[in-house]
PDB file of N, CA and C in Angstrom:
ATOM      1  N   MET A   1      14.061  20.043  10.601  1.00  0.00           N
ATOM      2  CA  MET A   1      14.383  19.142  11.604  1.00  0.00           C
ATOM      3  C   MET A   1      13.181  18.233  10.904  1.00  0.00           C
ATOM      4  N   ALA A   2      13.831  16.805  10.364  1.00  0.00           N
ATOM      5  CA  ALA A   2      12.569  15.815   9.467  1.00  0.00           C
ATOM      6  C   ALA A   2      11.390  15.658  11.092  1.00  0.00           C
ATOM      7  N   LYS A   3      10.727  15.592  10.256  1.00  0.00           N
ATOM      8  CA  LYS A   3       9.349  15.319  11.295  1.00  0.00           C
ATOM      9  C   LYS A   3      10.000  13.286  11.896  1.00  0.00           C
ATOM     10  N   ARG A   4       9.562  13.106  13.006  1.00  0.00           N
ATOM     11  CA  ARG A   4       9.855  11.816  13.000  1.00  0.00           C
ATOM     12  C   ARG A   4       8.446  10.967  12.769  1.00  0.00           C
ATOM     13  N   ILE A   5       8.360   9.506  12.612  1.00  0.00           N
ATOM     14  CA  ILE A   5       7.640   8.634  12.049  1.00  0.00           C
ATOM     15  C   ILE A   5       7.981   7.883  13.412  1.00  0.00           C
ATOM     16  N   HIS A   6       7.081   7.254  14.188  1.00  0.00           N
ATOM     17  CA  HIS A   6       6.676   6.044  14.796  1.00  0.00           C
ATOM     18  C   HIS A   6       5.615   5.055  14.012  1.00  0.00           C
ATOM     19  N   LEU A   7       6.463   3.934  13.910  1.00  0.00           N
ATOM     20  CA  LEU A   7       6.000   2.176  13.518  1.00  0.00           C
ATOM     21  C   LEU A   7       5.789   1.540  14.200  1.00  0.00           C
ATOM     22  N   HIS A   8       4.289   1.664  15.184  1.00  0.00           N
ATOM     23  CA  HIS A   8       4.230   0.350  16.152  1.00  0.00           C
ATOM     24  C   HIS A   8       3.352  -0.750  15.770  1.00  0.00           C
ATOM     25  N   LYS A   9       3.810  -1.999  16.324  1.00  0.00           N
ATOM     26  CA  LYS A   9       3.156  -3.024  15.883  1.00  0.00           C
ATOM     27  C   LYS A   9       1.613  -3.145  17.322  1.00  0.00           C
ATOM     28  N   ARG A  10       0.685  -2.966  16.893  1.00  0.00           N
ATOM     29  CA  ARG A  10      -0.865  -3.167  16.922  1.00  0.00           C
ATOM     30  C   ARG A  10      -1.763  -4.492  17.116  1.00  0.00           C
ATOM     31  N   LYS A  11      -1.354  -5.268  18.209  1.00  0.00           N
ATOM     32  CA  LYS A  11      -1.972  -6.424  18.137  1.00  0.00           C
ATOM     33  C   LYS A  11      -2.855  -6.657  18.388  1.00  0.00           C
ATOM     34  N   ALA A  12      -4.173  -5.941  18.236  1.00  0.00           N
ATOM     35  CA  ALA A  12      -5.811  -6.462  17.563  1.00  0.00           C
ATOM     36  C   ALA A  12      -5.787  -5.897  16.097  1.00  0.00           C
ATOM     37  N   TRP A  13      -4.449  -5.454  15.575  1.00  0.00           N
ATOM     38  CA  TRP A  13      -4.824  -5.319  14.313  1.00  0.00           C
ATOM     39  C   TRP A  13      -4.518  -6.310  13.107  1.00  0.00           C
ATOM     40  N   GLY A  14      -5.138  -6.624  12.244  1.00  0.00           N
ATOM     41  CA  GLY A  14      -4.790  -7.200  10.844  1.00  0.00           C
ATOM     42  C   GLY A  14      -3.922  -6.643  10.088  1.00  0.00           C
ATOM     43  N   GLN A  15      -3.204  -7.667   9.022  1.00  0.00           N
ATOM     44  CA  GLN A  15      -2.623  -7.434   8.162  1.00  0.00           C
ATOM     45  C   GLN A  15      -2.993  -6.214   6.856  1.00  0.00           C
ATOM     46  N   ARG A  16      -4.190  -6.002   6.995  1.00  0.00           N
ATOM     47  CA  ARG A  16      -5.715  -5.024   6.135  1.00  0.00           C
ATOM     48  C   ARG A  16      -5.214  -3.512   7.151  1.00  0.00           C
ATOM     49  N   GLU A  17      -5.544  -3.529   8.128  1.00  0.00           N
ATOM     50  CA  GLU A  17      -5.420  -2.320   8.921  1.00  0.00           C
ATOM     51  C   GLU A  17      -4.226  -1.865   9.043  1.00  0.00           C
ATOM     52  N   TYR A  18      -2.455  -2.540   9.194  1.00  0.00           N
ATOM     53  CA  TYR A  18      -1.586  -2.113   9.107  1.00  0.00           C
ATOM     54  C   TYR A  18      -1.108  -1.977   8.095  1.00  0.00           C
ATOM     55  N   LEU A  19      -1.612  -2.418   7.375  1.00  0.00           N
ATOM     56  CA  LEU A  19      -1.071  -1.686   5.693  1.00  0.00           C
ATOM     57  C   LEU A  19      -1.385  -0.418   5.435  1.00  0.00           C
ATOM     58  N   LEU A  20      -2.672  -0.466   5.933  1.00  0.00           N
ATOM     59  CA  LEU A  20      -3.110   1.121   5.662  1.00  0.00           C
ATOM     60  C   LEU A  20      -2.430   2.127   6.128  1.00  0.00           C
ATOM     61  N   TYR A  21      -2.306   1.693   7.461  1.00  0.00           N
ATOM     62  CA  TYR A  21      -1.024   2.639   8.638  1.00  0.00           C
ATOM     63  C   TYR A  21      -0.070   2.939   8.121  1.00  0.00           C
ATOM     64  N   LEU A  22       0.700   1.410   7.529  1.00  0.00           N
ATOM     65  CA  LEU A  22       1.723   1.873   7.038  1.00  0.00           C
ATOM     66  C   LEU A  22       1.879   2.320   5.300  1.00  0.00           C
ATOM     67  N   LEU A  23       0.982   2.616   4.832  1.00  0.00           N
ATOM     68  CA  LEU A  23       0.865   2.852   3.616  1.00  0.00           C
ATOM     69  C   LEU A  23       1.208   4.342   3.438  1.00  0.00           C
ATOM     70  N   ASN A  24       0.017   5.241   4.903  1.00  0.00           N
ATOM     71  CA  ASN A  24       0.083   6.729   5.060  1.00  0.00           C
ATOM     72  C   ASN A  24       2.145   7.018   5.364  1.00  0.00           C
ATOM     73  N   LYS A  25       2.667   5.873   5.896  1.00  0.00           N
ATOM     74  CA  LYS A  25       3.880   6.319   6.836  1.00  0.00           C
ATOM     75  C   LYS A  25       5.431   6.289   5.503  1.00  0.00           C
ATOM     76  N   THR A  26       4.950   5.487   5.019  1.00  0.00           N
ATOM     77  CA  THR A  26       6.288   4.883   4.033  1.00  0.00           C
ATOM     78  C   THR A  26       6.035   4.620   2.838  1.00  0.00           C
ATOM     79  N   ALA A  27       6.926   3.221   2.685  1.00  0.00           N
ATOM     80  CA  ALA A  27       6.669   2.603   1.303  1.00  0.00           C
ATOM     81  C   ALA A  27       6.387   1.469   1.739  1.00  0.00           C
ATOM     82  N   VAL A  28       5.833   0.708   0.575  1.00  0.00           N
ATOM     83  CA  VAL A  28       5.362  -1.241   2.087  1.00  0.00           C
ATOM     84  C   VAL A  28       5.574  -1.984   0.321  1.00  0.00           C
ATOM     85  N   ARG A  29       5.884  -3.117   0.620  1.00  0.00           N
ATOM     86  CA  ARG A  29       5.535  -4.052  -0.560  1.00  0.00           C
ATOM     87  C   ARG A  29       4.305  -5.193  -0.214  1.00  0.00           C
ATOM     88  N   PHE A  30       3.382  -5.121  -0.673  1.00  0.00           N
ATOM     89  CA  PHE A  30       2.045  -6.127  -0.093  1.00  0.00           C
ATOM     90  C   PHE A  30       1.862  -6.507  -1.563  1.00  0.00           C
ATOM     91  N   THR A  31       0.591  -7.548  -1.551  1.00  0.00           N
ATOM     92  CA  THR A  31      -0.353  -8.389  -2.216  1.00  0.00           C
ATOM     93  C   THR A  31      -1.807  -8.400  -1.986  1.00  0.00           C
ATOM     94  N   PHE A  32      -2.323  -8.288  -3.086  1.00  0.00           N
ATOM     95  CA  PHE A  32      -3.457  -8.317  -2.788  1.00  0.00           C
ATOM     96  C   PHE A  32      -4.364  -9.033  -4.319  1.00  0.00           C
ATOM     97  N   ILE A  33      -5.848  -8.963  -3.998  1.00  0.00           N
ATOM     98  CA  ILE A  33      -6.756 -10.161  -4.972  1.00  0.00           C
ATOM     99  C   ILE A  33      -7.478  -9.045  -5.705  1.00  0.00           C
ATOM    100  N   THR A  34      -6.451  -9.092  -6.985  1.00  0.00           N
ATOM    101  CA  THR A  34      -7.205  -7.943  -8.271  1.00  0.00           C
ATOM    102  C   THR A  34      -9.199  -8.359  -7.821  1.00  0.00           C
ATOM    103  N   VAL A  35      -9.696  -8.007  -8.743  1.00  0.00           N
ATOM    104  CA  VAL A  35     -11.191  -7.781  -9.278  1.00  0.00           C
ATOM    105  C   VAL A  35     -11.384  -8.829  -9.616  1.00  0.00           C
ATOM    106  N   THR A  36     -10.944  -8.553 -11.335  1.00  0.00           N
ATOM    107  CA  THR A  36     -10.841  -9.859 -12.085  1.00  0.00           C
ATOM    108  C   THR A  36      -9.358 -10.013 -12.137  1.00  0.00           C
ATOM    109  N   ASP A  37      -9.019 -11.076 -13.344  1.00  0.00           N
ATOM    110  CA  ASP A  37      -8.220 -11.451 -13.649  1.00  0.00           C
ATOM    111  C   ASP A  37      -7.365 -11.179 -14.575  1.00  0.00           C
ATOM    112  N   GLY A  38      -7.625  -9.970 -15.229  1.00  0.00           N
ATOM    113  CA  GLY A  38      -7.976  -9.478 -16.442  1.00  0.00           C
ATOM    114  C   GLY A  38      -7.096  -9.548 -17.209  1.00  0.00           C
ATOM    115  N   SER A  39      -8.022 -10.751 -17.770  1.00  0.00           N
ATOM    116  CA  SER A  39      -8.444 -11.364 -19.732  1.00  0.00           C
ATOM    117  C   SER A  39      -9.236 -10.535 -20.233  1.00  0.00           C
ATOM    118  N   ASP A  40      -9.266 -10.051 -21.377  1.00  0.00           N
ATOM    119  CA  ASP A  40      -9.867  -9.644 -22.637  1.00  0.00           C
ATOM    120  C   ASP A  40     -11.578 -10.368 -22.397  1.00  0.00           C
ATOM    121  N   ARG A  41     -11.736 -11.235 -21.773  1.00  0.00           N
ATOM    122  CA  ARG A  41     -13.627 -11.377 -22.085  1.00  0.00           C
ATOM    123  C   ARG A  41     -13.893 -10.701 -20.502  1.00  0.00           C
ATOM    124  N   GLY A  42     -13.225  -9.896 -20.003  1.00  0.00           N
ATOM    125  CA  GLY A  42     -13.836  -9.259 -19.025  1.00  0.00           C
ATOM    126  C   GLY A  42     -13.620 -10.074 -17.317  1.00  0.00           C
ATOM    127  N   GLY A  43     -12.655 -10.774 -17.778  1.00  0.00           N
ATOM    128  CA  GLY A  43     -12.186 -11.298 -16.531  1.00  0.00           C
ATOM    129  C   GLY A  43     -12.853 -12.079 -15.500  1.00  0.00           C
ATOM    130  N   SER A  44     -12.578 -13.034 -14.678  1.00  0.00           N
ATOM    131  CA  SER A  44     -13.376 -13.926 -13.608  1.00  0.00           C
ATOM    132  C   SER A  44     -13.212 -13.304 -12.813  1.00  0.00           C
ATOM    133  N   TRP A  45     -14.431 -12.799 -11.870  1.00  0.00           N
ATOM    134  CA  TRP A  45     -14.787 -12.788 -10.266  1.00  0.00           C
ATOM    135  C   TRP A  45     -13.594 -13.433  -9.263  1.00  0.00           C
ATOM    136  N   GLU A  46     -12.896 -14.292  -9.650  1.00  0.00           N
ATOM    137  CA  GLU A  46     -11.620 -14.589  -8.521  1.00  0.00           C
ATOM    138  C   GLU A  46     -10.304 -13.682  -8.743  1.00  0.00           C
ATOM    139  N   GLY A  47     -10.219 -13.116  -9.922  1.00  0.00           N
ATOM    140  CA  GLY A  47      -9.204 -12.391  -9.846  1.00  0.00           C
ATOM    141  C   GLY A  47      -8.295 -13.111  -9.626  1.00  0.00           C
ATOM    142  N   ARG A  48      -6.883 -12.401  -9.427  1.00  0.00           N
ATOM    143  CA  ARG A  48      -5.280 -12.870  -9.289  1.00  0.00           C
ATOM    144  C   ARG A  48      -4.567 -12.431  -8.128  1.00  0.00           C
ATOM    145  N   THR A  49      -3.499 -12.794  -7.585  1.00  0.00           N
ATOM    146  CA  THR A  49      -2.938 -11.974  -6.740  1.00  0.00           C
ATOM    147  C   THR A  49      -1.857 -11.331  -7.102  1.00  0.00           C
ATOM    148  N   ARG A  50      -2.148  -9.985  -6.501  1.00  0.00           N
ATOM    149  CA  ARG A  50      -0.821  -8.998  -7.175  1.00  0.00           C
ATOM    150  C   ARG A  50      -0.133  -8.849  -6.083  1.00  0.00           C
ATOM    151  N   LEU A  51       1.224  -9.027  -6.966  1.00  0.00           N
ATOM    152  CA  LEU A  51       2.567  -8.049  -5.830  1.00  0.00           C
ATOM    153  C   LEU A  51       2.275  -6.234  -6.062  1.00  0.00           C
ATOM    154  N   ALA A  52       2.551  -5.725  -5.073  1.00  0.00           N
ATOM    155  CA  ALA A  52       2.729  -4.137  -5.348  1.00  0.00           C
ATOM    156  C   ALA A  52       3.267  -3.667  -4.391  1.00  0.00           C
ATOM    157  N   ASP A  53       4.344  -2.419  -5.034  1.00  0.00           N
ATOM    158  CA  ASP A  53       5.070  -1.680  -3.995  1.00  0.00           C
ATOM    159  C   ASP A  53       4.415  -0.276  -4.108  1.00  0.00           C
ATOM    160  N   GLY A  54       4.320   0.004  -2.988  1.00  0.00           N
ATOM    161  CA  GLY A  54       3.980   1.652  -3.330  1.00  0.00           C
ATOM    162  C   GLY A  54       2.904   2.087  -1.269  1.00  0.00           C
ATOM    163  N   THR A  55       2.928   3.803  -1.943  1.00  0.00           N
ATOM    164  CA  THR A  55       2.716   4.185  -0.815  1.00  0.00           C
ATOM    165  C   THR A  55       1.666   5.340  -1.273  1.00  0.00           C
ATOM    166  N   ARG A  56       1.060   6.084   0.464  1.00  0.00           N
ATOM    167  CA  ARG A  56       0.529   7.035   0.055  1.00  0.00           C
ATOM    168  C   ARG A  56       0.560   8.533   0.672  1.00  0.00           C
ATOM    169  N   ASN A  57       2.466   8.170   1.236  1.00  0.00           N
ATOM    170  CA  ASN A  57       2.825   9.578   1.378  1.00  0.00           C
ATOM    171  C   ASN A  57       2.845  10.761   0.646  1.00  0.00           C
ATOM    172  N   LEU A  58       2.893  11.611   0.777  1.00  0.00           N
ATOM    173  CA  LEU A  58       2.990  12.493  -0.576  1.00  0.00           C
ATOM    174  C   LEU A  58       4.266  12.703  -0.998  1.00  0.00           C
ATOM    175  N   SER A  59       4.847  12.877   0.208  1.00  0.00           N
ATOM    176  CA  SER A  59       6.742  13.123   0.410  1.00  0.00           C
ATOM    177  C   SER A  59       7.052  12.318  -0.197  1.00  0.00           C
ATOM    178  N   LEU A  60       6.669  11.021  -0.462  1.00  0.00           N
ATOM    179  CA  LEU A  60       7.720   9.671  -1.045  1.00  0.00           C
ATOM    180  C   LEU A  60       7.186   9.851  -2.735  1.00  0.00           C
ATOM    181  N   VAL A  61       6.216  10.499  -3.278  1.00  0.00           N
ATOM    182  CA  VAL A  61       5.581  10.220  -4.773  1.00  0.00           C
ATOM    183  C   VAL A  61       6.460  11.706  -5.013  1.00  0.00           C
ATOM    184  N   PRO A  62       6.669  11.222  -6.881  1.00  0.00           N
ATOM    185  CA  PRO A  62       7.649  12.519  -7.502  1.00  0.00           C
ATOM    186  C   PRO A  62       6.576  13.306  -7.715  1.00  0.00           C
ATOM    187  N   LYS A  63       7.110  15.004  -7.571  1.00  0.00           N
ATOM    188  CA  LYS A  63       6.070  15.825  -7.540  1.00  0.00           C
ATOM    189  C   LYS A  63       5.235  15.627  -9.088  1.00  0.00           C
ATOM    190  N   SER A  64       5.888  15.538 -10.032  1.00  0.00           N
ATOM    191  CA  SER A  64       4.565  15.238 -11.239  1.00  0.00           C
ATOM    192  C   SER A  64       3.762  14.605 -11.416  1.00  0.00           C
ATOM    193  N   LYS A  65       3.874  13.776 -10.018  1.00  0.00           N
ATOM    194  CA  LYS A  65       2.599  12.609  -9.826  1.00  0.00           C
ATOM    195  C   LYS A  65       1.587  12.554  -8.852  1.00  0.00           C
ATOM    196  N   HIS A  66       2.018  13.802  -8.245  1.00  0.00           N
ATOM    197  CA  HIS A  66       0.968  14.130  -7.308  1.00  0.00           C
ATOM    198  C   HIS A  66      -0.586  14.829  -7.396  1.00  0.00           C
ATOM    199  N   PRO A  67      -1.249  13.945  -6.901  1.00  0.00           N
ATOM    200  CA  PRO A  67      -2.797  14.502  -7.080  1.00  0.00           C
ATOM    201  C   PRO A  67      -2.855  15.715  -7.510  1.00  0.00           C
ATOM    202  N   LYS A  68      -4.209  16.307  -8.893  1.00  0.00           N
ATOM    203  CA  LYS A  68      -4.280  17.296  -8.772  1.00  0.00           C
ATOM    204  C   LYS A  68      -5.583  17.638  -8.206  1.00  0.00           C
ATOM    205  N   ASN A  69      -5.958  16.615  -8.109  1.00  0.00           N
ATOM    206  CA  ASN A  69      -7.899  16.868  -6.921  1.00  0.00           C
ATOM    207  C   ASN A  69      -7.859  15.008  -5.793  1.00  0.00           C
ATOM    208  N   PHE A  70      -8.647  15.159  -4.855  1.00  0.00           N
ATOM    209  CA  PHE A  70      -8.997  14.201  -4.689  1.00  0.00           C
ATOM    210  C   PHE A  70     -10.095  13.294  -4.519  1.00  0.00           C
ATOM    211  N   ARG A  71     -10.380  12.117  -4.606  1.00  0.00           N
ATOM    212  CA  ARG A  71     -11.596  11.087  -4.655  1.00  0.00           C
ATOM    213  C   ARG A  71     -12.391  11.332  -3.111  1.00  0.00           C
ATOM    214  N   PRO A  72     -13.644  11.117  -3.075  1.00  0.00           N
ATOM    215  CA  PRO A  72     -14.187  11.305  -1.742  1.00  0.00           C
ATOM    216  C   PRO A  72     -13.802  10.407  -1.140  1.00  0.00           C
ATOM    217  N   TYR A  73     -13.933  10.250   0.104  1.00  0.00           N
ATOM    218  CA  TYR A  73     -13.509   9.042   1.158  1.00  0.00           C
ATOM    219  C   TYR A  73     -13.622   7.465   0.781  1.00  0.00           C
ATOM    220  N   SER A  74     -13.909   6.489   1.059  1.00  0.00           N
ATOM    221  CA  SER A  74     -14.138   5.180   0.390  1.00  0.00           C
ATOM    222  C   SER A  74     -13.558   4.183   1.210  1.00  0.00           C
ATOM    223  N   SER A  75     -14.282   3.485   2.265  1.00  0.00           N
ATOM    224  CA  SER A  75     -13.531   2.560   3.312  1.00  0.00           C
ATOM    225  C   SER A  75     -13.333   1.682   2.885  1.00  0.00           C
ATOM    226  N   LYS A  76     -14.139   1.003   1.176  1.00  0.00           N
ATOM    227  CA  LYS A  76     -14.102  -0.516   0.764  1.00  0.00           C
ATOM    228  C   LYS A  76     -12.406   0.284  -0.584  1.00  0.00           C
ATOM    229  N   LEU A  77     -12.536   1.248  -0.699  1.00  0.00           N
ATOM    230  CA  LEU A  77     -11.228   1.565  -1.953  1.00  0.00           C
ATOM    231  C   LEU A  77     -10.428   2.520  -1.423  1.00  0.00           C
ATOM    232  N   LYS A  78      -9.080   1.775  -1.534  1.00  0.00           N
ATOM    233  CA  LYS A  78      -7.720   2.142  -1.272  1.00  0.00           C
ATOM    234  C   LYS A  78      -6.986   2.958  -2.563  1.00  0.00           C
ATOM    235  N   THR A  79      -6.566   3.984  -2.395  1.00  0.00           N
ATOM    236  CA  THR A  79      -5.202   4.622  -3.853  1.00  0.00           C
ATOM    237  C   THR A  79      -4.385   4.774  -2.889  1.00  0.00           C
ATOM    238  N   TYR A  80      -3.092   4.280  -3.880  1.00  0.00           N
ATOM    239  CA  TYR A  80      -1.890   4.402  -3.565  1.00  0.00           C
ATOM    240  C   TYR A  80      -1.007   4.588  -4.750  1.00  0.00           C
ATOM    241  N   TYR A  81      -0.262   5.517  -4.856  1.00  0.00           N
ATOM    242  CA  TYR A  81       1.191   5.167  -5.632  1.00  0.00           C
ATOM    243  C   TYR A  81       1.715   4.350  -5.863  1.00  0.00           C
ATOM    244  N   ASP A  82       1.922   3.302  -7.557  1.00  0.00           N
ATOM    245  CA  ASP A  82       2.090   1.938  -7.487  1.00  0.00           C
ATOM    246  C   ASP A  82       3.890   2.647  -7.908  1.00  0.00           C
ATOM    247  N   TYR A  83       5.495   2.278  -7.082  1.00  0.00           N
ATOM    248  CA  TYR A  83       6.480   2.576  -7.858  1.00  0.00           C
ATOM    249  C   TYR A  83       6.853   1.719  -9.264  1.00  0.00           C
ATOM    250  N   THR A  84       5.594   0.610  -9.181  1.00  0.00           N
ATOM    251  CA  THR A  84       6.568  -0.347 -10.677  1.00  0.00           C
ATOM    252  C   THR A  84       5.963   0.456 -11.614  1.00  0.00           C
ATOM    253  N   LYS A  85       4.589   1.014 -11.645  1.00  0.00           N
ATOM    254  CA  LYS A  85       3.763   1.045 -12.761  1.00  0.00           C
ATOM    255  C   LYS A  85       4.005   2.856 -12.629  1.00  0.00           C
ATOM    256  N   LYS A  86       4.759   3.057 -11.655  1.00  0.00           N
ATOM    257  CA  LYS A  86       4.852   4.842 -12.260  1.00  0.00           C
ATOM    258  C   LYS A  86       3.495   5.788 -12.389  1.00  0.00           C
ATOM    259  N   ALA A  87       2.277   5.120 -11.419  1.00  0.00           N
ATOM    260  CA  ALA A  87       1.338   5.501 -11.572  1.00  0.00           C
ATOM    261  C   ALA A  87       0.180   5.496 -10.205  1.00  0.00           C
ATOM    262  N   TRP A  88      -0.829   5.969 -10.444  1.00  0.00           N
ATOM    263  CA  TRP A  88      -1.671   5.634  -8.797  1.00  0.00           C
ATOM    264  C   TRP A  88      -2.954   4.571  -9.355  1.00  0.00           C
ATOM    265  N   ARG A  89      -3.177   3.456  -8.322  1.00  0.00           N
ATOM    266  CA  ARG A  89      -3.724   2.318  -8.638  1.00  0.00           C
ATOM    267  C   ARG A  89      -4.450   2.291  -7.616  1.00  0.00           C
ATOM    268  N   SER A  90      -5.296   1.458  -7.326  1.00  0.00           N
ATOM    269  CA  SER A  90      -6.148   1.107  -6.163  1.00  0.00           C
ATOM    270  C   SER A  90      -6.319   0.180  -6.317  1.00  0.00           C
ATOM    271  N   PHE A  91      -6.506  -1.045  -4.900  1.00  0.00           N
ATOM    272  CA  PHE A  91      -7.448  -2.228  -4.154  1.00  0.00           C
ATOM    273  C   PHE A  91      -8.161  -2.344  -3.131  1.00  0.00           C
ATOM    274  N   ARG A  92      -8.803  -2.806  -2.842  1.00  0.00           N
ATOM    275  CA  ARG A  92     -10.285  -3.030  -2.546  1.00  0.00           C
ATOM    276  C   ARG A  92      -9.556  -3.427  -1.019  1.00  0.00           C
ATOM    277  N   THR A  93      -9.980  -2.760  -0.059  1.00  0.00           N
ATOM    278  CA  THR A  93      -9.326  -3.095   1.617  1.00  0.00           C
ATOM    279  C   THR A  93      -9.419  -5.031   1.715  1.00  0.00           C
ATOM    280  N   LYS A  94     -10.893  -5.061   1.799  1.00  0.00           N
ATOM    281  CA  LYS A  94     -10.962  -6.523   1.804  1.00  0.00           C
ATOM    282  C   LYS A  94     -10.431  -7.481   1.373  1.00  0.00           C
ATOM    283  N   GLU A  95      -9.724  -7.151   0.144  1.00  0.00           N
ATOM    284  CA  GLU A  95      -9.136  -8.239  -1.078  1.00  0.00           C
ATOM    285  C   GLU A  95      -7.198  -7.853  -0.384  1.00  0.00           C
ATOM    286  N   VAL A  96      -6.835  -7.727   1.118  1.00  0.00           N
ATOM    287  CA  VAL A  96      -5.541  -7.504   0.907  1.00  0.00           C
ATOM    288  C   VAL A  96      -5.009  -8.507   1.439  1.00  0.00           C
ATOM    289  N   VAL A  97      -4.293  -9.370   1.206  1.00  0.00           N
ATOM    290  CA  VAL A  97      -3.839 -11.079   1.864  1.00  0.00           C
ATOM    291  C   VAL A  97      -2.251 -10.858   2.265  1.00  0.00           C
ATOM    292  N   ALA A  98      -1.419  -9.807   2.106  1.00  0.00           N
ATOM    293  CA  ALA A  98      -0.405  -9.837   3.098  1.00  0.00           C
ATOM    294  C   ALA A  98       0.588  -8.579   2.797  1.00  0.00           C
ATOM    295  N   VAL A  99       1.199  -8.346   3.509  1.00  0.00           N
ATOM    296  CA  VAL A  99       2.120  -7.316   3.964  1.00  0.00           C
ATOM    297  C   VAL A  99       3.588  -7.895   3.926  1.00  0.00           C
ATOM    298  N   ILE A 100       3.785  -7.612   3.119  1.00  0.00           N
ATOM    299  CA  ILE A 100       5.430  -8.255   2.624  1.00  0.00           C
ATOM    300  C   ILE A 100       6.960  -7.275   3.345  1.00  0.00           C
ATOM    301  N   SER A 101       6.687  -6.091   3.315  1.00  0.00           N
ATOM    302  CA  SER A 101       7.755  -5.823   3.976  1.00  0.00           C
ATOM    303  C   SER A 101       7.258  -4.043   3.554  1.00  0.00           C
ATOM    304  N   TYR A 102       8.278  -3.177   4.254  1.00  0.00           N
ATOM    305  CA  TYR A 102       8.302  -2.035   4.192  1.00  0.00           C
ATOM    306  C   TYR A 102       9.219  -1.215   4.726  1.00  0.00           C
ATOM    307  N   LEU A 103       9.467   0.227   3.868  1.00  0.00           N
ATOM    308  CA  LEU A 103      11.133   0.963   4.238  1.00  0.00           C
ATOM    309  C   LEU A 103      11.452   1.740   5.427  1.00  0.00           C
ATOM    310  N   ASP A 104      11.901   1.387   5.844  1.00  0.00           N
ATOM    311  CA  ASP A 104      12.400   2.254   7.570  1.00  0.00           C
ATOM    312  C   ASP A 104      12.447   3.664   7.416  1.00  0.00           C
ATOM    313  N   PRO A 105      11.385   4.634   7.668  1.00  0.00           N
ATOM    314  CA  PRO A 105      12.049   5.828   6.839  1.00  0.00           C
ATOM    315  C   PRO A 105      13.238   6.511   7.824  1.00  0.00           C
ATOM    316  N   LYS A 106      14.260   5.573   9.041  1.00  0.00           N
ATOM    317  CA  LYS A 106      15.053   6.758   9.341  1.00  0.00           C
ATOM    318  C   LYS A 106      16.020   5.705   8.697  1.00  0.00           C
ATOM    319  N   THR A 107      16.229   4.678   8.560  1.00  0.00           N
ATOM    320  CA  THR A 107      17.549   3.901   7.613  1.00  0.00           C
ATOM    321  C   THR A 107      17.529   3.365   6.408  1.00  0.00           C
ATOM    322  N   ASN A 108      16.371   4.016   6.029  1.00  0.00           N
ATOM    323  CA  ASN A 108      15.805   3.725   4.411  1.00  0.00           C
ATOM    324  C   ASN A 108      16.213   2.363   4.125  1.00  0.00           C
ATOM    325  N   LYS A 109      16.100   1.431   5.026  1.00  0.00           N
ATOM    326  CA  LYS A 109      16.357  -0.044   4.934  1.00  0.00           C
ATOM    327  C   LYS A 109      15.011  -1.010   4.782  1.00  0.00           C
ATOM    328  N   GLU A 110      15.220  -1.857   3.794  1.00  0.00           N
ATOM    329  CA  GLU A 110      13.864  -2.777   3.882  1.00  0.00           C
ATOM    330  C   GLU A 110      13.466  -3.178   5.073  1.00  0.00           C
ATOM    331  N   ILE A 111      12.800  -3.599   5.728  1.00  0.00           N
ATOM    332  CA  ILE A 111      12.055  -4.379   7.242  1.00  0.00           C
ATOM    333  C   ILE A 111      10.782  -5.411   6.623  1.00  0.00           C
ATOM    334  N   PRO A 112      11.132  -6.847   6.727  1.00  0.00           N
ATOM    335  CA  PRO A 112      10.553  -7.779   6.584  1.00  0.00           C
ATOM    336  C   PRO A 112       9.145  -7.226   7.699  1.00  0.00           C
ATOM    337  N   PHE A 113       8.524  -7.819   7.190  1.00  0.00           N
ATOM    338  CA  PHE A 113       6.924  -7.651   8.149  1.00  0.00           C
ATOM    339  C   PHE A 113       7.304  -8.298   9.580  1.00  0.00           C
ATOM    340  N   LYS A 114       8.085  -9.851   9.471  1.00  0.00           N
ATOM    341  CA  LYS A 114       7.574 -10.663  11.092  1.00  0.00           C
ATOM    342  C   LYS A 114       8.707  -9.560  11.639  1.00  0.00           C
ATOM    343  N   ASN A 115       9.780  -8.776  11.071  1.00  0.00           N
ATOM    344  CA  ASN A 115      10.680  -8.110  12.100  1.00  0.00           C
ATOM    345  C   ASN A 115       9.684  -6.320  11.790  1.00  0.00           C
ATOM    346  N   LEU A 116       8.741  -6.407  12.888  1.00  0.00           N
ATOM    347  CA  LEU A 116       8.240  -4.946  12.820  1.00  0.00           C
ATOM    348  C   LEU A 116       8.609  -4.188  13.991  1.00  0.00           C
ATOM    349  N   VAL A 117       9.540  -2.559  14.109  1.00  0.00           N
ATOM    350  CA  VAL A 117       9.858  -2.144  14.679  1.00  0.00           C
ATOM    351  C   VAL A 117       8.739  -1.736  16.357  1.00  0.00           C
ATOM    352  N   ASP A 118       9.392  -1.812  17.337  1.00  0.00           N
ATOM    353  CA  ASP A 118       8.769  -1.282  18.220  1.00  0.00           C
ATOM    354  C   ASP A 118       8.585  -0.086  18.704  1.00  0.00           C
TER     355      ASP A 118
END
């Protein structure tokens, strides 16, 4: 029997905290600001906004992409599996711009962030 996943709206949580919660449960589409703009000369400190589709839930990551070892915990840097790049990526938690949508684990349908499951 599959473990039931509860996704609840927490009024005290901001988008950053809710994103980290959702990433551990299901697949999420979100945006964040990169550290640099990706130019050849090292980039600027302003960065650019990047759209990402990813998860931290290992049951949703292909077995061949499971991590072989784990990084030490960091409150500033979070890793996630990126479905677009098919690799592990990371972002700084203070740079989260928006949660756009997530995949409902019960129905496998994409749910916009504004229509949260109670």
